[in-house]
Amino acid sequence: MIKAYTAANLQDAHILLGLLRASGIEAHILNANAAGGLGEIPFAQVYPEIWLANARDLSTARQVFEGFERPLPAAPPRPCPACGEENPAGFEICWNCAAPTAPA
């Protein structure tokens, strides 16, 4: 086994584990329950770690990690069909006139 990644939290570790398994990579999470020991053990030792069963999968796993860490592109603003005012992509109701915005 080889250590491949240290996750910020257990949720990220489980998401990454699922992505790795979907890519055909056998992986395991270590320190999954270590956060309960924070204060008794050093904080740097409680982060969940992703370990790979086979070192040959490391380059593919790194691609998975890079894809996970890459921020999603921002969606462009969209105009309100009623008043024409631009609304951020996440708005379902126009901030100006309260009309429903068109779906993205």
PDB file of N, CA and C in Angstrom:
ATOM      1  N   MET A   1       0.846  -1.180   0.000  1.00  0.00           N
ATOM      2  CA  MET A   1       0.000   0.000   0.000  1.00  0.00           C
ATOM      3  C   MET A   1       0.887   1.237   0.000  1.00  0.00           C
ATOM      4  N   ILE A   2       0.340   2.300  -0.602  1.00  0.00           N
ATOM      5  CA  ILE A   2       1.068   3.555  -0.683  1.00  0.00           C
ATOM      6  C   ILE A   2       0.119   4.715  -0.378  1.00  0.00           C
ATOM      7  N   LYS A   3       0.609   5.646   0.436  1.00  0.00           N
ATOM      8  CA  LYS A   3      -0.199   6.823   0.759  1.00  0.00           C
ATOM      9  C   LYS A   3      -0.250   7.724  -0.469  1.00  0.00           C
ATOM     10  N   ALA A   4      -1.467   8.113  -0.869  1.00  0.00           N
ATOM     11  CA  ALA A   4      -1.621   8.898  -2.080  1.00  0.00           C
ATOM     12  C   ALA A   4      -2.163  10.298  -1.834  1.00  0.00           C
ATOM     13  N   TYR A   5      -2.924  10.505  -0.753  1.00  0.00           N
ATOM     14  CA  TYR A   5      -3.608  11.792  -0.587  1.00  0.00           C
ATOM     15  C   TYR A   5      -4.002  11.971   0.870  1.00  0.00           C
ATOM     16  N   THR A   6      -3.932  13.196   1.339  1.00  0.00           N
ATOM     17  CA  THR A   6      -4.453  13.559   2.655  1.00  0.00           C
ATOM     18  C   THR A   6      -5.619  14.501   2.429  1.00  0.00           C
ATOM     19  N   ALA A   7      -6.798  14.095   2.853  1.00  0.00           N
ATOM     20  CA  ALA A   7      -8.012  14.883   2.626  1.00  0.00           C
ATOM     21  C   ALA A   7      -8.215  15.889   3.749  1.00  0.00           C
ATOM     22  N   ALA A   8      -8.928  16.956   3.424  1.00  0.00           N
ATOM     23  CA  ALA A   8      -9.219  17.990   4.418  1.00  0.00           C
ATOM     24  C   ALA A   8     -10.244  17.515   5.439  1.00  0.00           C
ATOM     25  N   ASN A   9     -11.135  16.607   5.010  1.00  0.00           N
ATOM     26  CA  ASN A   9     -12.171  16.110   5.912  1.00  0.00           C
ATOM     27  C   ASN A   9     -12.647  14.749   5.423  1.00  0.00           C
ATOM     28  N   LEU A  10     -13.441  14.095   6.237  1.00  0.00           N
ATOM     29  CA  LEU A  10     -13.889  12.740   5.930  1.00  0.00           C
ATOM     30  C   LEU A  10     -14.824  12.705   4.723  1.00  0.00           C
ATOM     31  N   GLN A  11     -15.620  13.754   4.539  1.00  0.00           N
ATOM     32  CA  GLN A  11     -16.527  13.795   3.388  1.00  0.00           C
ATOM     33  C   GLN A  11     -15.736  13.804   2.082  1.00  0.00           C
ATOM     34  N   ASP A  12     -14.711  14.643   2.001  1.00  0.00           N
ATOM     35  CA  ASP A  12     -13.873  14.675   0.803  1.00  0.00           C
ATOM     36  C   ASP A  12     -13.200  13.326   0.579  1.00  0.00           C
ATOM     37  N   ALA A  13     -12.747  12.700   1.645  1.00  0.00           N
ATOM     38  CA  ALA A  13     -12.088  11.402   1.522  1.00  0.00           C
ATOM     39  C   ALA A  13     -13.032  10.361   0.931  1.00  0.00           C
ATOM     40  N   HIS A  14     -14.290  10.361   1.361  1.00  0.00           N
ATOM     41  CA  HIS A  14     -15.245   9.390   0.827  1.00  0.00           C
ATOM     42  C   HIS A  14     -15.608   9.692  -0.620  1.00  0.00           C
ATOM     43  N   ILE A  15     -15.706  10.969  -0.969  1.00  0.00           N
ATOM     44  CA  ILE A  15     -15.958  11.326  -2.373  1.00  0.00           C
ATOM     45  C   ILE A  15     -14.807  10.831  -3.239  1.00  0.00           C
ATOM     46  N   LEU A  16     -13.585  11.089  -2.803  1.00  0.00           N
ATOM     47  CA  LEU A  16     -12.416  10.643  -3.562  1.00  0.00           C
ATOM     48  C   LEU A  16     -12.342   9.128  -3.638  1.00  0.00           C
ATOM     49  N   LEU A  17     -12.678   8.458  -2.560  1.00  0.00           N
ATOM     50  CA  LEU A  17     -12.677   6.998  -2.572  1.00  0.00           C
ATOM     51  C   LEU A  17     -13.642   6.476  -3.633  1.00  0.00           C
ATOM     52  N   GLY A  18     -14.815   7.075  -3.724  1.00  0.00           N
ATOM     53  CA  GLY A  18     -15.776   6.681  -4.745  1.00  0.00           C
ATOM     54  C   GLY A  18     -15.269   6.947  -6.149  1.00  0.00           C
ATOM     55  N   LEU A  19     -14.619   8.087  -6.356  1.00  0.00           N
ATOM     56  CA  LEU A  19     -14.065   8.408  -7.674  1.00  0.00           C
ATOM     57  C   LEU A  19     -12.954   7.439  -8.055  1.00  0.00           C
ATOM     58  N   LEU A  20     -12.118   7.092  -7.089  1.00  0.00           N
ATOM     59  CA  LEU A  20     -11.044   6.138  -7.363  1.00  0.00           C
ATOM     60  C   LEU A  20     -11.606   4.765  -7.707  1.00  0.00           C
ATOM     61  N   ARG A  21     -12.573   4.314  -6.943  1.00  0.00           N
ATOM     62  CA  ARG A  21     -13.167   2.994  -7.212  1.00  0.00           C
ATOM     63  C   ARG A  21     -13.876   2.981  -8.559  1.00  0.00           C
ATOM     64  N   ALA A  22     -14.495   4.109  -8.939  1.00  0.00           N
ATOM     65  CA  ALA A  22     -15.136   4.200 -10.253  1.00  0.00           C
ATOM     66  C   ALA A  22     -14.103   4.142 -11.376  1.00  0.00           C
ATOM     67  N   SER A  23     -12.865   4.513 -11.064  1.00  0.00           N
ATOM     68  CA  SER A  23     -11.778   4.444 -12.039  1.00  0.00           C
ATOM     69  C   SER A  23     -11.065   3.098 -12.001  1.00  0.00           C
ATOM     70  N   GLY A  24     -11.563   2.181 -11.191  1.00  0.00           N
ATOM     71  CA  GLY A  24     -10.972   0.853 -11.111  1.00  0.00           C
ATOM     72  C   GLY A  24      -9.760   0.764 -10.201  1.00  0.00           C
ATOM     73  N   ILE A  25      -9.612   1.708  -9.300  1.00  0.00           N
ATOM     74  CA  ILE A  25      -8.465   1.737  -8.393  1.00  0.00           C
ATOM     75  C   ILE A  25      -8.909   1.287  -7.005  1.00  0.00           C
ATOM     76  N   GLU A  26      -8.214   0.297  -6.473  1.00  0.00           N
ATOM     77  CA  GLU A  26      -8.514  -0.169  -5.118  1.00  0.00           C
ATOM     78  C   GLU A  26      -7.841   0.768  -4.123  1.00  0.00           C
ATOM     79  N   ALA A  27      -8.638   1.356  -3.251  1.00  0.00           N
ATOM     80  CA  ALA A  27      -8.113   2.320  -2.283  1.00  0.00           C
ATOM     81  C   ALA A  27      -8.836   2.164  -0.956  1.00  0.00           C
ATOM     82  N   HIS A  28      -8.218   2.704   0.086  1.00  0.00           N
ATOM     83  CA  HIS A  28      -8.770   2.622   1.433  1.00  0.00           C
ATOM     84  C   HIS A  28      -8.569   3.957   2.140  1.00  0.00           C
ATOM     85  N   ILE A  29      -9.446   4.258   3.088  1.00  0.00           N
ATOM     86  CA  ILE A  29      -9.312   5.457   3.913  1.00  0.00           C
ATOM     87  C   ILE A  29      -8.730   5.048   5.258  1.00  0.00           C
ATOM     88  N   LEU A  30      -7.647   5.693   5.638  1.00  0.00           N
ATOM     89  CA  LEU A  30      -7.074   5.507   6.967  1.00  0.00           C
ATOM     90  C   LEU A  30      -7.340   6.770   7.783  1.00  0.00           C
ATOM     91  N   ASN A  31      -7.379   6.656   9.071  1.00  0.00           N
ATOM     92  CA  ASN A  31      -7.684   7.750  10.006  1.00  0.00           C
ATOM     93  C   ASN A  31      -9.130   8.218   9.871  1.00  0.00           C
ATOM     94  N   ALA A  32     -10.023   7.349   9.452  1.00  0.00           N
ATOM     95  CA  ALA A  32     -11.418   7.745   9.249  1.00  0.00           C
ATOM     96  C   ALA A  32     -12.069   8.220  10.545  1.00  0.00           C
ATOM     97  N   ASN A  33     -11.684   7.673  11.656  1.00  0.00           N
ATOM     98  CA  ASN A  33     -12.301   8.046  12.931  1.00  0.00           C
ATOM     99  C   ASN A  33     -11.329   8.736  13.877  1.00  0.00           C
ATOM    100  N   ALA A  34     -10.224   9.198  13.347  1.00  0.00           N
ATOM    101  CA  ALA A  34      -9.193   9.793  14.198  1.00  0.00           C
ATOM    102  C   ALA A  34      -9.555  11.186  14.697  1.00  0.00           C
ATOM    103  N   ALA A  35     -10.494  11.862  14.041  1.00  0.00           N
ATOM    104  CA  ALA A  35     -10.845  13.226  14.455  1.00  0.00           C
ATOM    105  C   ALA A  35     -11.352  13.265  15.892  1.00  0.00           C
ATOM    106  N   GLY A  36     -11.907  12.178  16.376  1.00  0.00           N
ATOM    107  CA  GLY A  36     -12.375  12.122  17.754  1.00  0.00           C
ATOM    108  C   GLY A  36     -11.247  12.204  18.761  1.00  0.00           C
ATOM    109  N   GLY A  37     -10.039  11.946  18.321  1.00  0.00           N
ATOM    110  CA  GLY A  37      -8.891  12.005  19.210  1.00  0.00           C
ATOM    111  C   GLY A  37      -8.170  13.336  19.191  1.00  0.00           C
ATOM    112  N   LEU A  38      -8.721  14.307  18.467  1.00  0.00           N
ATOM    113  CA  LEU A  38      -8.082  15.620  18.386  1.00  0.00           C
ATOM    114  C   LEU A  38      -7.942  16.211  19.782  1.00  0.00           C
ATOM    115  N   GLY A  39      -6.771  16.638  20.093  1.00  0.00           N
ATOM    116  CA  GLY A  39      -6.464  17.130  21.436  1.00  0.00           C
ATOM    117  C   GLY A  39      -5.620  16.123  22.193  1.00  0.00           C
ATOM    118  N   GLU A  40      -5.873  14.861  21.936  1.00  0.00           N
ATOM    119  CA  GLU A  40      -5.071  13.794  22.543  1.00  0.00           C
ATOM    120  C   GLU A  40      -3.907  13.423  21.629  1.00  0.00           C
ATOM    121  N   ILE A  41      -4.127  13.549  20.326  1.00  0.00           N
ATOM    122  CA  ILE A  41      -3.073  13.279  19.349  1.00  0.00           C
ATOM    123  C   ILE A  41      -2.876  14.546  18.515  1.00  0.00           C
ATOM    124  N   PRO A  42      -1.714  14.729  17.920  1.00  0.00           N
ATOM    125  CA  PRO A  42      -1.453  15.938  17.137  1.00  0.00           C
ATOM    126  C   PRO A  42      -2.453  16.107  15.988  1.00  0.00           C
ATOM    127  N   PHE A  43      -2.827  17.366  15.723  1.00  0.00           N
ATOM    128  CA  PHE A  43      -3.855  17.633  14.718  1.00  0.00           C
ATOM    129  C   PHE A  43      -3.460  17.136  13.335  1.00  0.00           C
ATOM    130  N   ALA A  44      -2.176  17.129  13.017  1.00  0.00           N
ATOM    131  CA  ALA A  44      -1.732  16.693  11.696  1.00  0.00           C
ATOM    132  C   ALA A  44      -1.925  15.191  11.487  1.00  0.00           C
ATOM    133  N   GLN A  45      -2.195  14.458  12.551  1.00  0.00           N
ATOM    134  CA  GLN A  45      -2.358  13.013  12.435  1.00  0.00           C
ATOM    135  C   GLN A  45      -3.817  12.581  12.401  1.00  0.00           C
ATOM    136  N   VAL A  46      -4.742  13.537  12.379  1.00  0.00           N
ATOM    137  CA  VAL A  46      -6.157  13.157  12.370  1.00  0.00           C
ATOM    138  C   VAL A  46      -6.806  13.305  10.995  1.00  0.00           C
ATOM    139  N   TYR A  47      -6.097  13.878  10.034  1.00  0.00           N
ATOM    140  CA  TYR A  47      -6.678  14.031   8.702  1.00  0.00           C
ATOM    141  C   TYR A  47      -6.861  12.672   8.038  1.00  0.00           C
ATOM    142  N   PRO A  48      -7.991  12.454   7.361  1.00  0.00           N
ATOM    143  CA  PRO A  48      -8.191  11.196   6.647  1.00  0.00           C
ATOM    144  C   PRO A  48      -7.187  11.064   5.499  1.00  0.00           C
ATOM    145  N   GLU A  49      -6.672   9.886   5.333  1.00  0.00           N
ATOM    146  CA  GLU A  49      -5.692   9.628   4.277  1.00  0.00           C
ATOM    147  C   GLU A  49      -6.240   8.593   3.307  1.00  0.00           C
ATOM    148  N   ILE A  50      -5.932   8.781   2.034  1.00  0.00           N
ATOM    149  CA  ILE A  50      -6.283   7.811   0.998  1.00  0.00           C
ATOM    150  C   ILE A  50      -5.027   7.002   0.701  1.00  0.00           C
ATOM    151  N   TRP A  51      -5.142   5.709   0.852  1.00  0.00           N
ATOM    152  CA  TRP A  51      -4.040   4.796   0.552  1.00  0.00           C
ATOM    153  C   TRP A  51      -4.458   3.891  -0.597  1.00  0.00           C
ATOM    154  N   LEU A  52      -3.542   3.676  -1.529  1.00  0.00           N
ATOM    155  CA  LEU A  52      -3.790   2.812  -2.679  1.00  0.00           C
ATOM    156  C   LEU A  52      -3.226   1.428  -2.411  1.00  0.00           C
ATOM    157  N   ALA A  53      -3.943   0.426  -2.872  1.00  0.00           N
ATOM    158  CA  ALA A  53      -3.481  -0.951  -2.698  1.00  0.00           C
ATOM    159  C   ALA A  53      -2.278  -1.240  -3.592  1.00  0.00           C
ATOM    160  N   ASN A  54      -2.233  -0.598  -4.763  1.00  0.00           N
ATOM    161  CA  ASN A  54      -1.156  -0.848  -5.720  1.00  0.00           C
ATOM    162  C   ASN A  54      -0.472   0.461  -6.093  1.00  0.00           C
ATOM    163  N   ALA A  55       0.839   0.508  -5.925  1.00  0.00           N
ATOM    164  CA  ALA A  55       1.596   1.718  -6.239  1.00  0.00           C
ATOM    165  C   ALA A  55       1.510   2.068  -7.717  1.00  0.00           C
ATOM    166  N   ARG A  56       1.264   1.093  -8.580  1.00  0.00           N
ATOM    167  CA  ARG A  56       1.182   1.360 -10.019  1.00  0.00           C
ATOM    168  C   ARG A  56      -0.018   2.221 -10.383  1.00  0.00           C
ATOM    169  N   ASP A  57      -0.977   2.349  -9.483  1.00  0.00           N
ATOM    170  CA  ASP A  57      -2.165   3.172  -9.736  1.00  0.00           C
ATOM    171  C   ASP A  57      -1.969   4.637  -9.349  1.00  0.00           C
ATOM    172  N   LEU A  58      -0.794   4.992  -8.863  1.00  0.00           N
ATOM    173  CA  LEU A  58      -0.579   6.331  -8.325  1.00  0.00           C
ATOM    174  C   LEU A  58      -0.763   7.428  -9.371  1.00  0.00           C
ATOM    175  N   SER A  59      -0.259   7.245 -10.580  1.00  0.00           N
ATOM    176  CA  SER A  59      -0.386   8.309 -11.589  1.00  0.00           C
ATOM    177  C   SER A  59      -1.843   8.527 -11.977  1.00  0.00           C
ATOM    178  N   THR A  60      -2.610   7.464 -12.110  1.00  0.00           N
ATOM    179  CA  THR A  60      -4.035   7.603 -12.422  1.00  0.00           C
ATOM    180  C   THR A  60      -4.767   8.247 -11.250  1.00  0.00           C
ATOM    181  N   ALA A  61      -4.411   7.863 -10.045  1.00  0.00           N
ATOM    182  CA  ALA A  61      -5.041   8.445  -8.857  1.00  0.00           C
ATOM    183  C   ALA A  61      -4.758   9.938  -8.769  1.00  0.00           C
ATOM    184  N   ARG A  62      -3.560  10.354  -9.124  1.00  0.00           N
ATOM    185  CA  ARG A  62      -3.233  11.787  -9.089  1.00  0.00           C
ATOM    186  C   ARG A  62      -4.108  12.572 -10.064  1.00  0.00           C
ATOM    187  N   GLN A  63      -4.420  11.983 -11.204  1.00  0.00           N
ATOM    188  CA  GLN A  63      -5.327  12.642 -12.150  1.00  0.00           C
ATOM    189  C   GLN A  63      -6.713  12.802 -11.532  1.00  0.00           C
ATOM    190  N   VAL A  64      -7.160  11.793 -10.808  1.00  0.00           N
ATOM    191  CA  VAL A  64      -8.457  11.875 -10.117  1.00  0.00           C
ATOM    192  C   VAL A  64      -8.416  12.991  -9.075  1.00  0.00           C
ATOM    193  N   PHE A  65      -7.331  13.071  -8.313  1.00  0.00           N
ATOM    194  CA  PHE A  65      -7.206  14.105  -7.287  1.00  0.00           C
ATOM    195  C   PHE A  65      -7.191  15.502  -7.909  1.00  0.00           C
ATOM    196  N   GLU A  66      -6.468  15.657  -9.019  1.00  0.00           N
ATOM    197  CA  GLU A  66      -6.407  16.961  -9.689  1.00  0.00           C
ATOM    198  C   GLU A  66      -7.782  17.373 -10.200  1.00  0.00           C
ATOM    199  N   GLY A  67      -8.526  16.429 -10.745  1.00  0.00           N
ATOM    200  CA  GLY A  67      -9.874  16.733 -11.212  1.00  0.00           C
ATOM    201  C   GLY A  67     -10.794  17.128 -10.071  1.00  0.00           C
ATOM    202  N   PHE A  68     -10.624  16.495  -8.926  1.00  0.00           N
ATOM    203  CA  PHE A  68     -11.433  16.808  -7.750  1.00  0.00           C
ATOM    204  C   PHE A  68     -11.128  18.207  -7.220  1.00  0.00           C
ATOM    205  N   GLU A  69      -9.861  18.590  -7.239  1.00  0.00           N
ATOM    206  CA  GLU A  69      -9.450  19.877  -6.689  1.00  0.00           C
ATOM    207  C   GLU A  69      -9.679  21.044  -7.650  1.00  0.00           C
ATOM    208  N   ARG A  70      -9.869  20.747  -8.936  1.00  0.00           N
ATOM    209  CA  ARG A  70     -10.060  21.807  -9.927  1.00  0.00           C
ATOM    210  C   ARG A  70     -11.399  22.494  -9.693  1.00  0.00           C
ATOM    211  N   PRO A  71     -11.392  23.826  -9.573  1.00  0.00           N
ATOM    212  CA  PRO A  71     -12.666  24.521  -9.353  1.00  0.00           C
ATOM    213  C   PRO A  71     -13.557  24.453 -10.589  1.00  0.00           C
ATOM    214  N   LEU A  72     -14.846  24.433 -10.355  1.00  0.00           N
ATOM    215  CA  LEU A  72     -15.794  24.433 -11.459  1.00  0.00           C
ATOM    216  C   LEU A  72     -15.804  25.808 -12.111  1.00  0.00           C
ATOM    217  N   PRO A  73     -15.961  25.860 -13.433  1.00  0.00           N
ATOM    218  CA  PRO A  73     -16.014  27.168 -14.081  1.00  0.00           C
ATOM    219  C   PRO A  73     -17.278  27.911 -13.665  1.00  0.00           C
ATOM    220  N   ALA A  74     -17.137  29.199 -13.533  1.00  0.00           N
ATOM    221  CA  ALA A  74     -18.283  30.023 -13.149  1.00  0.00           C
ATOM    222  C   ALA A  74     -19.253  30.120 -14.325  1.00  0.00           C
ATOM    223  N   ALA A  75     -20.520  29.952 -14.036  1.00  0.00           N
ATOM    224  CA  ALA A  75     -21.538  30.080 -15.077  1.00  0.00           C
ATOM    225  C   ALA A  75     -21.774  31.565 -15.352  1.00  0.00           C
ATOM    226  N   PRO A  76     -22.012  31.910 -16.600  1.00  0.00           N
ATOM    227  CA  PRO A  76     -22.234  33.325 -16.918  1.00  0.00           C
ATOM    228  C   PRO A  76     -23.581  33.805 -16.379  1.00  0.00           C
ATOM    229  N   PRO A  77     -23.691  35.104 -16.122  1.00  0.00           N
ATOM    230  CA  PRO A  77     -24.987  35.627 -15.688  1.00  0.00           C
ATOM    231  C   PRO A  77     -26.008  35.478 -16.811  1.00  0.00           C
ATOM    232  N   ARG A  78     -27.274  35.459 -16.448  1.00  0.00           N
ATOM    233  CA  ARG A  78     -28.313  35.325 -17.467  1.00  0.00           C
ATOM    234  C   ARG A  78     -29.341  36.440 -17.294  1.00  0.00           C
ATOM    235  N   PRO A  79     -29.877  36.915 -18.405  1.00  0.00           N
ATOM    236  CA  PRO A  79     -30.843  38.015 -18.322  1.00  0.00           C
ATOM    237  C   PRO A  79     -32.220  37.529 -17.881  1.00  0.00           C
ATOM    238  N   CYS A  80     -32.918  38.395 -17.187  1.00  0.00           N
ATOM    239  CA  CYS A  80     -34.294  38.107 -16.776  1.00  0.00           C
ATOM    240  C   CYS A  80     -35.189  38.220 -18.006  1.00  0.00           C
ATOM    241  N   PRO A  81     -36.066  37.235 -18.234  1.00  0.00           N
ATOM    242  CA  PRO A  81     -36.948  37.314 -19.400  1.00  0.00           C
ATOM    243  C   PRO A  81     -37.996  38.425 -19.286  1.00  0.00           C
ATOM    244  N   ALA A  82     -38.254  38.900 -18.066  1.00  0.00           N
ATOM    245  CA  ALA A  82     -39.283  39.928 -17.883  1.00  0.00           C
ATOM    246  C   ALA A  82     -38.719  41.343 -17.984  1.00  0.00           C
ATOM    247  N   CYS A  83     -37.607  41.611 -17.272  1.00  0.00           N
ATOM    248  CA  CYS A  83     -37.100  42.989 -17.237  1.00  0.00           C
ATOM    249  C   CYS A  83     -35.749  43.159 -17.920  1.00  0.00           C
ATOM    250  N   GLY A  84     -35.084  42.053 -18.255  1.00  0.00           N
ATOM    251  CA  GLY A  84     -33.801  42.131 -18.944  1.00  0.00           C
ATOM    252  C   GLY A  84     -32.600  42.321 -18.035  1.00  0.00           C
ATOM    253  N   GLU A  85     -32.808  42.464 -16.747  1.00  0.00           N
ATOM    254  CA  GLU A  85     -31.704  42.658 -15.808  1.00  0.00           C
ATOM    255  C   GLU A  85     -30.882  41.373 -15.697  1.00  0.00           C
ATOM    256  N   GLU A  86     -29.543  41.512 -15.595  1.00  0.00           N
ATOM    257  CA  GLU A  86     -28.690  40.334 -15.453  1.00  0.00           C
ATOM    258  C   GLU A  86     -28.781  39.790 -14.033  1.00  0.00           C
ATOM    259  N   ASN A  87     -28.844  38.465 -13.952  1.00  0.00           N
ATOM    260  CA  ASN A  87     -28.899  37.764 -12.667  1.00  0.00           C
ATOM    261  C   ASN A  87     -27.766  36.748 -12.613  1.00  0.00           C
ATOM    262  N   PRO A  88     -27.150  36.545 -11.447  1.00  0.00           N
ATOM    263  CA  PRO A  88     -26.160  35.474 -11.327  1.00  0.00           C
ATOM    264  C   PRO A  88     -26.791  34.129 -11.692  1.00  0.00           C
ATOM    265  N   ALA A  89     -25.971  33.210 -12.168  1.00  0.00           N
ATOM    266  CA  ALA A  89     -26.468  31.927 -12.664  1.00  0.00           C
ATOM    267  C   ALA A  89     -27.263  31.152 -11.620  1.00  0.00           C
ATOM    268  N   GLY A  90     -26.967  31.300 -10.351  1.00  0.00           N
ATOM    269  CA  GLY A  90     -27.664  30.555  -9.309  1.00  0.00           C
ATOM    270  C   GLY A  90     -29.016  31.122  -8.923  1.00  0.00           C
ATOM    271  N   PHE A  91     -29.370  32.288  -9.424  1.00  0.00           N
ATOM    272  CA  PHE A  91     -30.647  32.899  -9.055  1.00  0.00           C
ATOM    273  C   PHE A  91     -31.784  32.253  -9.836  1.00  0.00           C
ATOM    274  N   GLU A  92     -32.825  31.845  -9.148  1.00  0.00           N
ATOM    275  CA  GLU A  92     -34.020  31.300  -9.799  1.00  0.00           C
ATOM    276  C   GLU A  92     -35.098  32.357  -9.957  1.00  0.00           C
ATOM    277  N   ILE A  93     -34.965  33.440  -9.193  1.00  0.00           N
ATOM    278  CA  ILE A  93     -35.912  34.552  -9.254  1.00  0.00           C
ATOM    279  C   ILE A  93     -35.099  35.827  -9.454  1.00  0.00           C
ATOM    280  N   CYS A  94     -35.544  36.669 -10.361  1.00  0.00           N
ATOM    281  CA  CYS A  94     -34.849  37.916 -10.657  1.00  0.00           C
ATOM    282  C   CYS A  94     -34.773  38.786  -9.405  1.00  0.00           C
ATOM    283  N   TRP A  95     -33.603  39.317  -9.156  1.00  0.00           N
ATOM    284  CA  TRP A  95     -33.421  40.162  -7.978  1.00  0.00           C
ATOM    285  C   TRP A  95     -34.133  41.502  -8.152  1.00  0.00           C
ATOM    286  N   ASN A  96     -34.372  41.896  -9.399  1.00  0.00           N
ATOM    287  CA  ASN A  96     -34.942  43.209  -9.673  1.00  0.00           C
ATOM    288  C   ASN A  96     -36.471  43.209  -9.681  1.00  0.00           C
ATOM    289  N   CYS A  97     -37.071  42.218 -10.364  1.00  0.00           N
ATOM    290  CA  CYS A  97     -38.532  42.248 -10.534  1.00  0.00           C
ATOM    291  C   CYS A  97     -39.238  41.030  -9.959  1.00  0.00           C
ATOM    292  N   ALA A  98     -38.502  40.071  -9.416  1.00  0.00           N
ATOM    293  CA  ALA A  98     -39.039  38.857  -8.796  1.00  0.00           C
ATOM    294  C   ALA A  98     -39.697  37.903  -9.783  1.00  0.00           C
ATOM    295  N   ALA A  99     -39.418  38.071 -11.068  1.00  0.00           N
ATOM    296  CA  ALA A  99     -39.926  37.124 -12.071  1.00  0.00           C
ATOM    297  C   ALA A  99     -39.021  35.893 -12.089  1.00  0.00           C
ATOM    298  N   PRO A 100     -39.574  34.719 -12.411  1.00  0.00           N
ATOM    299  CA  PRO A 100     -38.723  33.524 -12.534  1.00  0.00           C
ATOM    300  C   PRO A 100     -37.721  33.706 -13.676  1.00  0.00           C
ATOM    301  N   THR A 101     -36.482  33.294 -13.434  1.00  0.00           N
ATOM    302  CA  THR A 101     -35.465  33.375 -14.482  1.00  0.00           C
ATOM    303  C   THR A 101     -35.490  32.090 -15.288  1.00  0.00           C
ATOM    304  N   ALA A 102     -34.954  32.158 -16.479  1.00  0.00           N
ATOM    305  CA  ALA A 102     -34.904  30.979 -17.351  1.00  0.00           C
ATOM    306  C   ALA A 102     -33.918  29.978 -16.768  1.00  0.00           C
ATOM    307  N   PRO A 103     -34.207  28.682 -16.860  1.00  0.00           N
ATOM    308  CA  PRO A 103     -33.251  27.679 -16.355  1.00  0.00           C
ATOM    309  C   PRO A 103     -31.958  27.721 -17.154  1.00  0.00           C
ATOM    310  N   ALA A 104     -30.856  27.390 -16.472  1.00  0.00           N
ATOM    311  CA  ALA A 104     -29.541  27.425 -17.124  1.00  0.00           C
ATOM    312  C   ALA A 104     -29.408  26.340 -18.161  1.00  0.00           C
TER     313      ALA A 104
END
